[in-house]
PDB file of N, CA and C in Angstrom:
ATOM      1  N   MET A   1      74.532 131.056  77.410  1.00  0.00           N
ATOM      2  CA  MET A   1      75.872 131.095  77.976  1.00  0.00           C
ATOM      3  C   MET A   1      76.874 131.685  76.991  1.00  0.00           C
ATOM      4  N   ASP A   2      76.594 131.626  75.709  1.00  0.00           N
ATOM      5  CA  ASP A   2      77.544 132.167  74.739  1.00  0.00           C
ATOM      6  C   ASP A   2      77.711 133.674  74.923  1.00  0.00           C
ATOM      7  N   ALA A   3      76.765 134.331  75.540  1.00  0.00           N
ATOM      8  CA  ALA A   3      76.882 135.766  75.799  1.00  0.00           C
ATOM      9  C   ALA A   3      77.977 136.064  76.812  1.00  0.00           C
ATOM     10  N   THR A   4      78.405 135.074  77.599  1.00  0.00           N
ATOM     11  CA  THR A   4      79.486 135.277  78.561  1.00  0.00           C
ATOM     12  C   THR A   4      80.838 134.902  77.972  1.00  0.00           C
ATOM     13  N   ASN A   5      80.897 134.660  76.676  1.00  0.00           N
ATOM     14  CA  ASN A   5      82.119 134.232  75.998  1.00  0.00           C
ATOM     15  C   ASN A   5      83.223 135.261  76.196  1.00  0.00           C
ATOM     16  N   PRO A   6      84.383 134.856  76.708  1.00  0.00           N
ATOM     17  CA  PRO A   6      85.465 135.821  76.935  1.00  0.00           C
ATOM     18  C   PRO A   6      86.047 136.372  75.634  1.00  0.00           C
ATOM     19  N   GLN A   7      85.789 135.728  74.504  1.00  0.00           N
ATOM     20  CA  GLN A   7      86.311 136.212  73.225  1.00  0.00           C
ATOM     21  C   GLN A   7      85.500 137.391  72.689  1.00  0.00           C
ATOM     22  N   ARG A   8      84.360 137.685  73.262  1.00  0.00           N
ATOM     23  CA  ARG A   8      83.512 138.776  72.776  1.00  0.00           C
ATOM     24  C   ARG A   8      83.949 140.140  73.291  1.00  0.00           C
ATOM     25  N   ARG A   9      84.934 140.184  74.143  1.00  0.00           N
ATOM     26  CA  ARG A   9      85.518 141.397  74.701  1.00  0.00           C
ATOM     27  C   ARG A   9      84.458 142.274  75.389  1.00  0.00           C
ATOM     28  N   SER A  10      84.273 143.506  74.957  1.00  0.00           N
ATOM     29  CA  SER A  10      83.379 144.419  75.661  1.00  0.00           C
ATOM     30  C   SER A  10      81.912 144.141  75.358  1.00  0.00           C
ATOM     31  N   ASN A  11      81.615 143.367  74.331  1.00  0.00           N
ATOM     32  CA  ASN A  11      80.236 143.093  73.947  1.00  0.00           C
ATOM     33  C   ASN A  11      79.770 141.760  74.541  1.00  0.00           C
ATOM     34  N   ARG A  12      80.030 141.537  75.818  1.00  0.00           N
ATOM     35  CA  ARG A  12      79.635 140.285  76.446  1.00  0.00           C
ATOM     36  C   ARG A  12      78.954 140.563  77.771  1.00  0.00           C
ATOM     37  N   THR A  13      78.133 139.651  78.175  1.00  0.00           N
ATOM     38  CA  THR A  13      77.521 139.695  79.491  1.00  0.00           C
ATOM     39  C   THR A  13      78.503 139.062  80.453  1.00  0.00           C
ATOM     40  N   ASP A  14      78.624 139.604  81.624  1.00  0.00           N
ATOM     41  CA  ASP A  14      79.627 139.095  82.545  1.00  0.00           C
ATOM     42  C   ASP A  14      79.242 137.741  83.139  1.00  0.00           C
ATOM     43  N   PHE A  15      78.007 137.555  83.537  1.00  0.00           N
ATOM     44  CA  PHE A  15      77.585 136.309  84.167  1.00  0.00           C
ATOM     45  C   PHE A  15      76.187 135.950  83.703  1.00  0.00           C
ATOM     46  N   HIS A  16      75.851 134.678  83.906  1.00  0.00           N
ATOM     47  CA  HIS A  16      74.526 134.173  83.583  1.00  0.00           C
ATOM     48  C   HIS A  16      73.995 133.457  84.818  1.00  0.00           C
ATOM     49  N   MET A  17      72.812 133.800  85.253  1.00  0.00           N
ATOM     50  CA  MET A  17      72.235 133.166  86.448  1.00  0.00           C
ATOM     51  C   MET A  17      71.651 131.817  86.073  1.00  0.00           C
ATOM     52  N   CYS A  18      72.086 130.778  86.783  1.00  0.00           N
ATOM     53  CA  CYS A  18      71.576 129.420  86.583  1.00  0.00           C
ATOM     54  C   CYS A  18      70.155 129.348  87.113  1.00  0.00           C
ATOM     55  N   GLY A  19      69.250 128.799  86.312  1.00  0.00           N
ATOM     56  CA  GLY A  19      67.860 128.692  86.733  1.00  0.00           C
ATOM     57  C   GLY A  19      67.638 127.641  87.801  1.00  0.00           C
ATOM     58  N   GLY A  20      68.531 126.639  87.867  1.00  0.00           N
ATOM     59  CA  GLY A  20      68.349 125.567  88.835  1.00  0.00           C
ATOM     60  C   GLY A  20      68.889 125.885  90.209  1.00  0.00           C
ATOM     61  N   CYS A  21      70.152 126.368  90.252  1.00  0.00           N
ATOM     62  CA  CYS A  21      70.790 126.573  91.562  1.00  0.00           C
ATOM     63  C   CYS A  21      70.921 128.047  91.938  1.00  0.00           C
ATOM     64  N   GLY A  22      70.726 128.974  91.008  1.00  0.00           N
ATOM     65  CA  GLY A  22      70.799 130.389  91.311  1.00  0.00           C
ATOM     66  C   GLY A  22      72.211 130.958  91.347  1.00  0.00           C
ATOM     67  N   ARG A  23      73.217 130.163  90.987  1.00  0.00           N
ATOM     68  CA  ARG A  23      74.595 130.658  90.988  1.00  0.00           C
ATOM     69  C   ARG A  23      74.878 131.417  89.692  1.00  0.00           C
ATOM     70  N   LEU A  24      75.863 132.292  89.758  1.00  0.00           N
ATOM     71  CA  LEU A  24      76.280 133.038  88.576  1.00  0.00           C
ATOM     72  C   LEU A  24      77.355 132.235  87.847  1.00  0.00           C
ATOM     73  N   LEU A  25      77.104 131.915  86.586  1.00  0.00           N
ATOM     74  CA  LEU A  25      78.001 131.098  85.771  1.00  0.00           C
ATOM     75  C   LEU A  25      78.569 131.921  84.626  1.00  0.00           C
ATOM     76  N   TYR A  26      79.712 131.479  84.106  1.00  0.00           N
ATOM     77  CA  TYR A  26      80.330 132.128  82.948  1.00  0.00           C
ATOM     78  C   TYR A  26      81.198 131.112  82.222  1.00  0.00           C
ATOM     79  N   LEU A  27      81.469 131.379  80.946  1.00  0.00           N
ATOM     80  CA  LEU A  27      82.365 130.530  80.158  1.00  0.00           C
ATOM     81  C   LEU A  27      83.786 131.016  80.390  1.00  0.00           C
ATOM     82  N   THR A  28      84.664 130.098  80.787  1.00  0.00           N
ATOM     83  CA  THR A  28      86.024 130.498  81.123  1.00  0.00           C
ATOM     84  C   THR A  28      86.894 130.692  79.896  1.00  0.00           C
ATOM     85  N   GLY A  29      86.661 129.943  78.838  1.00  0.00           N
ATOM     86  CA  GLY A  29      87.496 130.046  77.642  1.00  0.00           C
ATOM     87  C   GLY A  29      88.795 129.268  77.768  1.00  0.00           C
ATOM     88  N   GLU A  30      88.948 128.488  78.845  1.00  0.00           N
ATOM     89  CA  GLU A  30      90.174 127.721  79.042  1.00  0.00           C
ATOM     90  C   GLU A  30      90.255 126.582  78.026  1.00  0.00           C
ATOM     91  N   ARG A  31      91.427 126.343  77.531  1.00  0.00           N
ATOM     92  CA  ARG A  31      91.734 125.243  76.615  1.00  0.00           C
ATOM     93  C   ARG A  31      90.874 125.247  75.360  1.00  0.00           C
ATOM     94  N   ARG A  32      90.359 126.388  74.964  1.00  0.00           N
ATOM     95  CA  ARG A  32      89.505 126.463  73.778  1.00  0.00           C
ATOM     96  C   ARG A  32      90.291 126.201  72.494  1.00  0.00           C
ATOM     97  N   LEU A  33      91.478 126.746  72.379  1.00  0.00           N
ATOM     98  CA  LEU A  33      92.271 126.542  71.173  1.00  0.00           C
ATOM     99  C   LEU A  33      92.741 125.092  71.065  1.00  0.00           C
ATOM    100  N   ARG A  34      93.170 124.519  72.176  1.00  0.00           N
ATOM    101  CA  ARG A  34      93.594 123.113  72.182  1.00  0.00           C
ATOM    102  C   ARG A  34      92.425 122.207  71.812  1.00  0.00           C
ATOM    103  N   ARG A  35      91.246 122.487  72.350  1.00  0.00           N
ATOM    104  CA  ARG A  35      90.073 121.676  72.051  1.00  0.00           C
ATOM    105  C   ARG A  35      89.693 121.805  70.577  1.00  0.00           C
ATOM    106  N   PHE A  36      89.891 122.984  69.998  1.00  0.00           N
ATOM    107  CA  PHE A  36      89.578 123.170  68.584  1.00  0.00           C
ATOM    108  C   PHE A  36      90.451 122.277  67.708  1.00  0.00           C
ATOM    109  N   TYR A  37      91.771 122.301  67.947  1.00  0.00           N
ATOM    110  CA  TYR A  37      92.674 121.541  67.088  1.00  0.00           C
ATOM    111  C   TYR A  37      92.695 120.042  67.393  1.00  0.00           C
ATOM    112  N   LEU A  38      92.446 119.661  68.635  1.00  0.00           N
ATOM    113  CA  LEU A  38      92.516 118.246  68.985  1.00  0.00           C
ATOM    114  C   LEU A  38      91.163 117.533  68.930  1.00  0.00           C
ATOM    115  N   LEU A  39      90.072 118.282  68.892  1.00  0.00           N
ATOM    116  CA  LEU A  39      88.759 117.651  68.872  1.00  0.00           C
ATOM    117  C   LEU A  39      87.919 118.078  67.670  1.00  0.00           C
ATOM    118  N   HIS A  40      87.759 119.367  67.459  1.00  0.00           N
ATOM    119  CA  HIS A  40      86.863 119.846  66.408  1.00  0.00           C
ATOM    120  C   HIS A  40      87.383 119.529  65.014  1.00  0.00           C
ATOM    121  N   VAL A  41      88.640 119.804  64.744  1.00  0.00           N
ATOM    122  CA  VAL A  41      89.187 119.566  63.398  1.00  0.00           C
ATOM    123  C   VAL A  41      89.175 118.080  63.047  1.00  0.00           C
ATOM    124  N   PRO A  42      89.652 117.175  63.925  1.00  0.00           N
ATOM    125  CA  PRO A  42      89.575 115.749  63.565  1.00  0.00           C
ATOM    126  C   PRO A  42      88.138 115.252  63.371  1.00  0.00           C
ATOM    127  N   VAL A  43      87.197 115.709  64.214  1.00  0.00           N
ATOM    128  CA  VAL A  43      85.806 115.289  64.045  1.00  0.00           C
ATOM    129  C   VAL A  43      85.251 115.810  62.727  1.00  0.00           C
ATOM    130  N   PHE A  44      85.593 117.021  62.365  1.00  0.00           N
ATOM    131  CA  PHE A  44      85.170 117.584  61.080  1.00  0.00           C
ATOM    132  C   PHE A  44      85.664 116.711  59.930  1.00  0.00           C
ATOM    133  N   LEU A  45      86.933 116.351  59.933  1.00  0.00           N
ATOM    134  CA  LEU A  45      87.498 115.544  58.855  1.00  0.00           C
ATOM    135  C   LEU A  45      86.906 114.134  58.822  1.00  0.00           C
ATOM    136  N   VAL A  46      86.714 113.532  59.976  1.00  0.00           N
ATOM    137  CA  VAL A  46      86.151 112.176  60.029  1.00  0.00           C
ATOM    138  C   VAL A  46      84.708 112.175  59.547  1.00  0.00           C
ATOM    139  N   VAL A  47      83.909 113.154  59.963  1.00  0.00           N
ATOM    140  CA  VAL A  47      82.504 113.204  59.551  1.00  0.00           C
ATOM    141  C   VAL A  47      82.392 113.416  58.047  1.00  0.00           C
ATOM    142  N   VAL A  48      83.180 114.329  57.499  1.00  0.00           N
ATOM    143  CA  VAL A  48      83.128 114.575  56.055  1.00  0.00           C
ATOM    144  C   VAL A  48      83.529 113.319  55.292  1.00  0.00           C
ATOM    145  N   ASN A  49      84.613 112.668  55.691  1.00  0.00           N
ATOM    146  CA  ASN A  49      85.058 111.461  54.981  1.00  0.00           C
ATOM    147  C   ASN A  49      84.067 110.314  55.137  1.00  0.00           C
ATOM    148  N   ALA A  50      83.511 110.131  56.317  1.00  0.00           N
ATOM    149  CA  ALA A  50      82.565 109.037  56.534  1.00  0.00           C
ATOM    150  C   ALA A  50      81.282 109.239  55.732  1.00  0.00           C
ATOM    151  N   VAL A  51      80.727 110.443  55.780  1.00  0.00           N
ATOM    152  CA  VAL A  51      79.490 110.702  55.045  1.00  0.00           C
ATOM    153  C   VAL A  51      79.748 110.645  53.547  1.00  0.00           C
ATOM    154  N   PHE A  52      80.875 111.167  53.100  1.00  0.00           N
ATOM    155  CA  PHE A  52      81.199 111.128  51.673  1.00  0.00           C
ATOM    156  C   PHE A  52      81.350 109.687  51.193  1.00  0.00           C
ATOM    157  N   SER A  53      82.008 108.842  51.986  1.00  0.00           N
ATOM    158  CA  SER A  53      82.188 107.452  51.561  1.00  0.00           C
ATOM    159  C   SER A  53      80.867 106.697  51.511  1.00  0.00           C
ATOM    160  N   VAL A  54      79.904 107.078  52.328  1.00  0.00           N
ATOM    161  CA  VAL A  54      78.579 106.463  52.255  1.00  0.00           C
ATOM    162  C   VAL A  54      77.802 107.005  51.061  1.00  0.00           C
ATOM    163  N   LEU A  55      77.919 108.302  50.792  1.00  0.00           N
ATOM    164  CA  LEU A  55      77.145 108.924  49.714  1.00  0.00           C
ATOM    165  C   LEU A  55      77.537 108.422  48.332  1.00  0.00           C
ATOM    166  N   VAL A  56      78.803 108.108  48.119  1.00  0.00           N
ATOM    167  CA  VAL A  56      79.221 107.690  46.773  1.00  0.00           C
ATOM    168  C   VAL A  56      78.635 106.329  46.405  1.00  0.00           C
ATOM    169  N   ASN A  57      78.126 105.590  47.367  1.00  0.00           N
ATOM    170  CA  ASN A  57      77.512 104.299  47.077  1.00  0.00           C
ATOM    171  C   ASN A  57      76.074 104.422  46.595  1.00  0.00           C
ATOM    172  N   PHE A  58      75.459 105.583  46.774  1.00  0.00           N
ATOM    173  CA  PHE A  58      74.089 105.799  46.332  1.00  0.00           C
ATOM    174  C   PHE A  58      74.089 106.670  45.079  1.00  0.00           C
ATOM    175  N   GLU A  59      73.466 106.146  44.029  1.00  0.00           N
ATOM    176  CA  GLU A  59      73.465 106.859  42.762  1.00  0.00           C
ATOM    177  C   GLU A  59      72.663 108.159  42.824  1.00  0.00           C
ATOM    178  N   SER A  60      71.627 108.191  43.653  1.00  0.00           N
ATOM    179  CA  SER A  60      70.787 109.387  43.731  1.00  0.00           C
ATOM    180  C   SER A  60      71.452 110.522  44.513  1.00  0.00           C
ATOM    181  N   LEU A  61      72.505 110.223  45.292  1.00  0.00           N
ATOM    182  CA  LEU A  61      73.164 111.246  46.099  1.00  0.00           C
ATOM    183  C   LEU A  61      74.529 111.654  45.556  1.00  0.00           C
ATOM    184  N   SER A  62      74.951 111.037  44.459  1.00  0.00           N
ATOM    185  CA  SER A  62      76.240 111.394  43.868  1.00  0.00           C
ATOM    186  C   SER A  62      76.176 111.197  42.360  1.00  0.00           C
ATOM    187  N   TYR A  63      77.152 111.720  41.675  1.00  0.00           N
ATOM    188  CA  TYR A  63      77.248 111.521  40.228  1.00  0.00           C
ATOM    189  C   TYR A  63      78.701 111.223  39.877  1.00  0.00           C
ATOM    190  N   TYR A  64      78.879 110.556  38.736  1.00  0.00           N
ATOM    191  CA  TYR A  64      80.217 110.177  38.289  1.00  0.00           C
ATOM    192  C   TYR A  64      80.816 111.327  37.491  1.00  0.00           C
ATOM    193  N   HIS A  65      81.966 111.806  37.916  1.00  0.00           N
ATOM    194  CA  HIS A  65      82.660 112.901  37.243  1.00  0.00           C
ATOM    195  C   HIS A  65      83.685 112.272  36.300  1.00  0.00           C
ATOM    196  N   GLU A  66      83.410 112.351  34.994  1.00  0.00           N
ATOM    197  CA  GLU A  66      84.232 111.642  33.998  1.00  0.00           C
ATOM    198  C   GLU A  66      85.655 112.177  33.920  1.00  0.00           C
ATOM    199  N   ALA A  67      85.844 113.469  34.017  1.00  0.00           N
ATOM    200  CA  ALA A  67      87.184 114.041  33.878  1.00  0.00           C
ATOM    201  C   ALA A  67      88.099 113.607  35.020  1.00  0.00           C
ATOM    202  N   ARG A  68      87.541 113.474  36.203  1.00  0.00           N
ATOM    203  CA  ARG A  68      88.351 113.084  37.363  1.00  0.00           C
ATOM    204  C   ARG A  68      88.333 111.573  37.592  1.00  0.00           C
ATOM    205  N   GLY A  69      87.326 110.894  37.094  1.00  0.00           N
ATOM    206  CA  GLY A  69      87.272 109.450  37.201  1.00  0.00           C
ATOM    207  C   GLY A  69      86.757 108.926  38.533  1.00  0.00           C
ATOM    208  N   HIS A  70      85.953 109.701  39.244  1.00  0.00           N
ATOM    209  CA  HIS A  70      85.376 109.215  40.506  1.00  0.00           C
ATOM    210  C   HIS A  70      84.046 109.906  40.767  1.00  0.00           C
ATOM    211  N   ASN A  71      83.341 109.418  41.787  1.00  0.00           N
ATOM    212  CA  ASN A  71      82.033 109.970  42.146  1.00  0.00           C
ATOM    213  C   ASN A  71      82.187 111.194  43.036  1.00  0.00           C
ATOM    214  N   GLU A  72      81.241 112.102  42.878  1.00  0.00           N
ATOM    215  CA  GLU A  72      81.181 113.298  43.711  1.00  0.00           C
ATOM    216  C   GLU A  72      79.744 113.490  44.164  1.00  0.00           C
ATOM    217  N   PRO A  73      79.537 114.046  45.355  1.00  0.00           N
ATOM    218  CA  PRO A  73      78.151 114.243  45.815  1.00  0.00           C
ATOM    219  C   PRO A  73      77.446 115.330  45.008  1.00  0.00           C
ATOM    220  N   ASN A  74      76.147 115.126  44.781  1.00  0.00           N
ATOM    221  CA  ASN A  74      75.364 116.166  44.133  1.00  0.00           C
ATOM    222  C   ASN A  74      74.851 117.134  45.198  1.00  0.00           C
ATOM    223  N   PHE A  75      73.899 117.988  44.843  1.00  0.00           N
ATOM    224  CA  PHE A  75      73.446 119.015  45.789  1.00  0.00           C
ATOM    225  C   PHE A  75      72.792 118.395  47.019  1.00  0.00           C
ATOM    226  N   LEU A  76      71.972 117.374  46.813  1.00  0.00           N
ATOM    227  CA  LEU A  76      71.324 116.720  47.950  1.00  0.00           C
ATOM    228  C   LEU A  76      72.357 116.050  48.851  1.00  0.00           C
ATOM    229  N   GLY A  77      73.372 115.432  48.255  1.00  0.00           N
ATOM    230  CA  GLY A  77      74.453 114.842  49.041  1.00  0.00           C
ATOM    231  C   GLY A  77      75.225 115.896  49.818  1.00  0.00           C
ATOM    232  N   PHE A  78      75.446 117.045  49.193  1.00  0.00           N
ATOM    233  CA  PHE A  78      76.126 118.149  49.863  1.00  0.00           C
ATOM    234  C   PHE A  78      75.323 118.627  51.078  1.00  0.00           C
ATOM    235  N   LEU A  79      73.989 118.705  50.926  1.00  0.00           N
ATOM    236  CA  LEU A  79      73.146 119.116  52.057  1.00  0.00           C
ATOM    237  C   LEU A  79      73.205 118.099  53.192  1.00  0.00           C
ATOM    238  N   ILE A  80      73.277 116.811  52.855  1.00  0.00           N
ATOM    239  CA  ILE A  80      73.389 115.782  53.888  1.00  0.00           C
ATOM    240  C   ILE A  80      74.711 115.918  54.630  1.00  0.00           C
ATOM    241  N   ILE A  81      75.794 116.209  53.906  1.00  0.00           N
ATOM    242  CA  ILE A  81      77.097 116.433  54.545  1.00  0.00           C
ATOM    243  C   ILE A  81      77.018 117.647  55.469  1.00  0.00           C
ATOM    244  N   CYS A  82      76.366 118.718  55.031  1.00  0.00           N
ATOM    245  CA  CYS A  82      76.242 119.924  55.867  1.00  0.00           C
ATOM    246  C   CYS A  82      75.440 119.652  57.129  1.00  0.00           C
ATOM    247  N   VAL A  83      74.365 118.890  57.029  1.00  0.00           N
ATOM    248  CA  VAL A  83      73.559 118.561  58.207  1.00  0.00           C
ATOM    249  C   VAL A  83      74.374 117.723  59.184  1.00  0.00           C
ATOM    250  N   ALA A  84      75.115 116.736  58.663  1.00  0.00           N
ATOM    251  CA  ALA A  84      75.948 115.899  59.536  1.00  0.00           C
ATOM    252  C   ALA A  84      77.008 116.738  60.238  1.00  0.00           C
ATOM    253  N   LEU A  85      77.601 117.699  59.525  1.00  0.00           N
ATOM    254  CA  LEU A  85      78.599 118.583  60.137  1.00  0.00           C
ATOM    255  C   LEU A  85      77.967 119.472  61.198  1.00  0.00           C
ATOM    256  N   PHE A  86      76.810 120.016  60.904  1.00  0.00           N
ATOM    257  CA  PHE A  86      76.134 120.886  61.870  1.00  0.00           C
ATOM    258  C   PHE A  86      75.813 120.129  63.158  1.00  0.00           C
ATOM    259  N   VAL A  87      75.298 118.911  63.028  1.00  0.00           N
ATOM    260  CA  VAL A  87      74.944 118.121  64.208  1.00  0.00           C
ATOM    261  C   VAL A  87      76.186 117.802  65.028  1.00  0.00           C
ATOM    262  N   SER A  88      77.269 117.391  64.362  1.00  0.00           N
ATOM    263  CA  SER A  88      78.476 117.011  65.107  1.00  0.00           C
ATOM    264  C   SER A  88      79.142 118.223  65.751  1.00  0.00           C
ATOM    265  N   VAL A  89      79.223 119.335  65.041  1.00  0.00           N
ATOM    266  CA  VAL A  89      79.876 120.522  65.601  1.00  0.00           C
ATOM    267  C   VAL A  89      79.041 121.121  66.730  1.00  0.00           C
ATOM    268  N   SER A  90      77.723 121.155  66.577  1.00  0.00           N
ATOM    269  CA  SER A  90      76.899 121.700  67.659  1.00  0.00           C
ATOM    270  C   SER A  90      76.947 120.804  68.894  1.00  0.00           C
ATOM    271  N   ALA A  91      77.128 119.505  68.707  1.00  0.00           N
ATOM    272  CA  ALA A  91      77.297 118.624  69.865  1.00  0.00           C
ATOM    273  C   ALA A  91      78.640 118.870  70.542  1.00  0.00           C
ATOM    274  N   LEU A  92      79.672 119.176  69.757  1.00  0.00           N
ATOM    275  CA  LEU A  92      80.996 119.432  70.333  1.00  0.00           C
ATOM    276  C   LEU A  92      81.066 120.767  71.070  1.00  0.00           C
ATOM    277  N   LEU A  93      80.240 121.714  70.706  1.00  0.00           N
ATOM    278  CA  LEU A  93      80.277 123.021  71.357  1.00  0.00           C
ATOM    279  C   LEU A  93      79.803 122.957  72.806  1.00  0.00           C
ATOM    280  N   ARG A  94      79.210 121.855  73.205  1.00  0.00           N
ATOM    281  CA  ARG A  94      78.771 121.694  74.591  1.00  0.00           C
ATOM    282  C   ARG A  94      79.936 121.386  75.521  1.00  0.00           C
ATOM    283  N   PHE A  95      81.120 121.092  74.978  1.00  0.00           N
ATOM    284  CA  PHE A  95      82.280 120.777  75.802  1.00  0.00           C
ATOM    285  C   PHE A  95      83.028 122.045  76.197  1.00  0.00           C
ATOM    286  N   GLU A  96      82.319 123.015  76.691  1.00  0.00           N
ATOM    287  CA  GLU A  96      82.913 124.273  77.130  1.00  0.00           C
ATOM    288  C   GLU A  96      83.054 124.228  78.642  1.00  0.00           C
ATOM    289  N   ILE A  97      84.105 124.822  79.158  1.00  0.00           N
ATOM    290  CA  ILE A  97      84.346 124.831  80.594  1.00  0.00           C
ATOM    291  C   ILE A  97      83.564 125.995  81.211  1.00  0.00           C
ATOM    292  N   VAL A  98      82.685 125.662  82.136  1.00  0.00           N
ATOM    293  CA  VAL A  98      81.824 126.647  82.782  1.00  0.00           C
ATOM    294  C   VAL A  98      82.366 126.896  84.186  1.00  0.00           C
ATOM    295  N   GLY A  99      82.517 128.166  84.550  1.00  0.00           N
ATOM    296  CA  GLY A  99      82.994 128.527  85.880  1.00  0.00           C
ATOM    297  C   GLY A  99      81.880 129.136  86.710  1.00  0.00           C
ATOM    298  N   VAL A 100      82.024 129.039  88.001  1.00  0.00           N
ATOM    299  CA  VAL A 100      81.074 129.648  88.946  1.00  0.00           C
ATOM    300  C   VAL A 100      81.732 130.902  89.499  1.00  0.00           C
ATOM    301  N   ALA A 101      81.024 132.006  89.435  1.00  0.00           N
ATOM    302  CA  ALA A 101      81.571 133.283  89.876  1.00  0.00           C
ATOM    303  C   ALA A 101      81.696 133.314  91.396  1.00  0.00           C
ATOM    304  N   THR A 102      82.837 133.799  91.866  1.00  0.00           N
ATOM    305  CA  THR A 102      83.045 133.979  93.298  1.00  0.00           C
ATOM    306  C   THR A 102      82.611 135.387  93.694  1.00  0.00           C
ATOM    307  N   SER A 103      82.493 135.620  94.969  1.00  0.00           N
ATOM    308  CA  SER A 103      82.049 136.941  95.426  1.00  0.00           C
ATOM    309  C   SER A 103      83.092 138.007  95.087  1.00  0.00           C
ATOM    310  N   ASN A 104      84.385 137.643  95.070  1.00  0.00           N
ATOM    311  CA  ASN A 104      85.427 138.612  94.704  1.00  0.00           C
ATOM    312  C   ASN A 104      85.280 139.065  93.258  1.00  0.00           C
ATOM    313  N   GLU A 105      84.988 138.129  92.353  1.00  0.00           N
ATOM    314  CA  GLU A 105      84.808 138.490  90.939  1.00  0.00           C
ATOM    315  C   GLU A 105      83.597 139.382  90.748  1.00  0.00           C
ATOM    316  N   ILE A 106      82.523 139.099  91.473  1.00  0.00           N
ATOM    317  CA  ILE A 106      81.301 139.900  91.353  1.00  0.00           C
ATOM    318  C   ILE A 106      81.546 141.313  91.863  1.00  0.00           C
ATOM    319  N   GLU A 107      82.232 141.451  92.987  1.00  0.00           N
ATOM    320  CA  GLU A 107      82.532 142.775  93.533  1.00  0.00           C
ATOM    321  C   GLU A 107      83.438 143.560  92.590  1.00  0.00           C
ATOM    322  N   LYS A 108      84.418 142.883  91.993  1.00  0.00           N
ATOM    323  CA  LYS A 108      85.335 143.560  91.074  1.00  0.00           C
ATOM    324  C   LYS A 108      84.580 144.071  89.851  1.00  0.00           C
ATOM    325  N   LEU A 109      83.657 143.263  89.305  1.00  0.00           N
ATOM    326  CA  LEU A 109      82.890 143.705  88.159  1.00  0.00           C
ATOM    327  C   LEU A 109      81.916 144.818  88.525  1.00  0.00           C
ATOM    328  N   ASP A 110      81.356 144.766  89.720  1.00  0.00           N
ATOM    329  CA  ASP A 110      80.484 145.849  90.158  1.00  0.00           C
ATOM    330  C   ASP A 110      81.267 147.159  90.260  1.00  0.00           C
ATOM    331  N   ALA A 111      82.505 147.089  90.762  1.00  0.00           N
ATOM    332  CA  ALA A 111      83.345 148.291  90.877  1.00  0.00           C
ATOM    333  C   ALA A 111      83.697 148.830  89.505  1.00  0.00           C
ATOM    334  N   GLN A 112      83.967 147.932  88.547  1.00  0.00           N
ATOM    335  CA  GLN A 112      84.280 148.380  87.189  1.00  0.00           C
ATOM    336  C   GLN A 112      83.043 148.995  86.540  1.00  0.00           C
ATOM    337  N   GLY A 113      81.871 148.418  86.799  1.00  0.00           N
ATOM    338  CA  GLY A 113      80.632 148.966  86.253  1.00  0.00           C
ATOM    339  C   GLY A 113      80.316 150.329  86.811  1.00  0.00           C
ATOM    340  N   ASP A 114      80.641 150.573  88.098  1.00  0.00           N
ATOM    341  CA  ASP A 114      80.410 151.880  88.708  1.00  0.00           C
ATOM    342  C   ASP A 114      81.321 152.933  88.105  1.00  0.00           C
ATOM    343  N   GLN A 115      82.540 152.542  87.725  1.00  0.00           N
ATOM    344  CA  GLN A 115      83.481 153.494  87.141  1.00  0.00           C
ATOM    345  C   GLN A 115      83.060 153.894  85.726  1.00  0.00           C
ATOM    346  N   THR A 116      82.447 152.974  84.967  1.00  0.00           N
ATOM    347  CA  THR A 116      82.071 153.294  83.595  1.00  0.00           C
ATOM    348  C   THR A 116      80.760 154.060  83.518  1.00  0.00           C
ATOM    349  N   ASN A 117      79.918 153.974  84.542  1.00  0.00           N
ATOM    350  CA  ASN A 117      78.619 154.669  84.510  1.00  0.00           C
ATOM    351  C   ASN A 117      78.730 156.089  84.950  1.00  0.00           C
TER     352      ASN A 117
END
């Protein structure tokens, strides 16, 4: 479905055929910016802070930085933070608004395709 992303401009597929119902689907791109700032950014900050606060309690996943006076994650701890971020962000990307193509939209795209060929 990401191939139907409206942000891809001319390098996008117009519709994707659903394997279950046979309808033509596409990503609308509605409320994407609002969802980014109200959902993705707070989840990113919460996941990083939560995982970091757990990691500093384990000596094998963090080290004490003498100049700053606190614990910091080591490389393995950093990888755990990255995995947690990847899982949370990839789960959030499923909250995309999917539209069903109407016959008018399909005809309009067919007419545009005929003009470019």
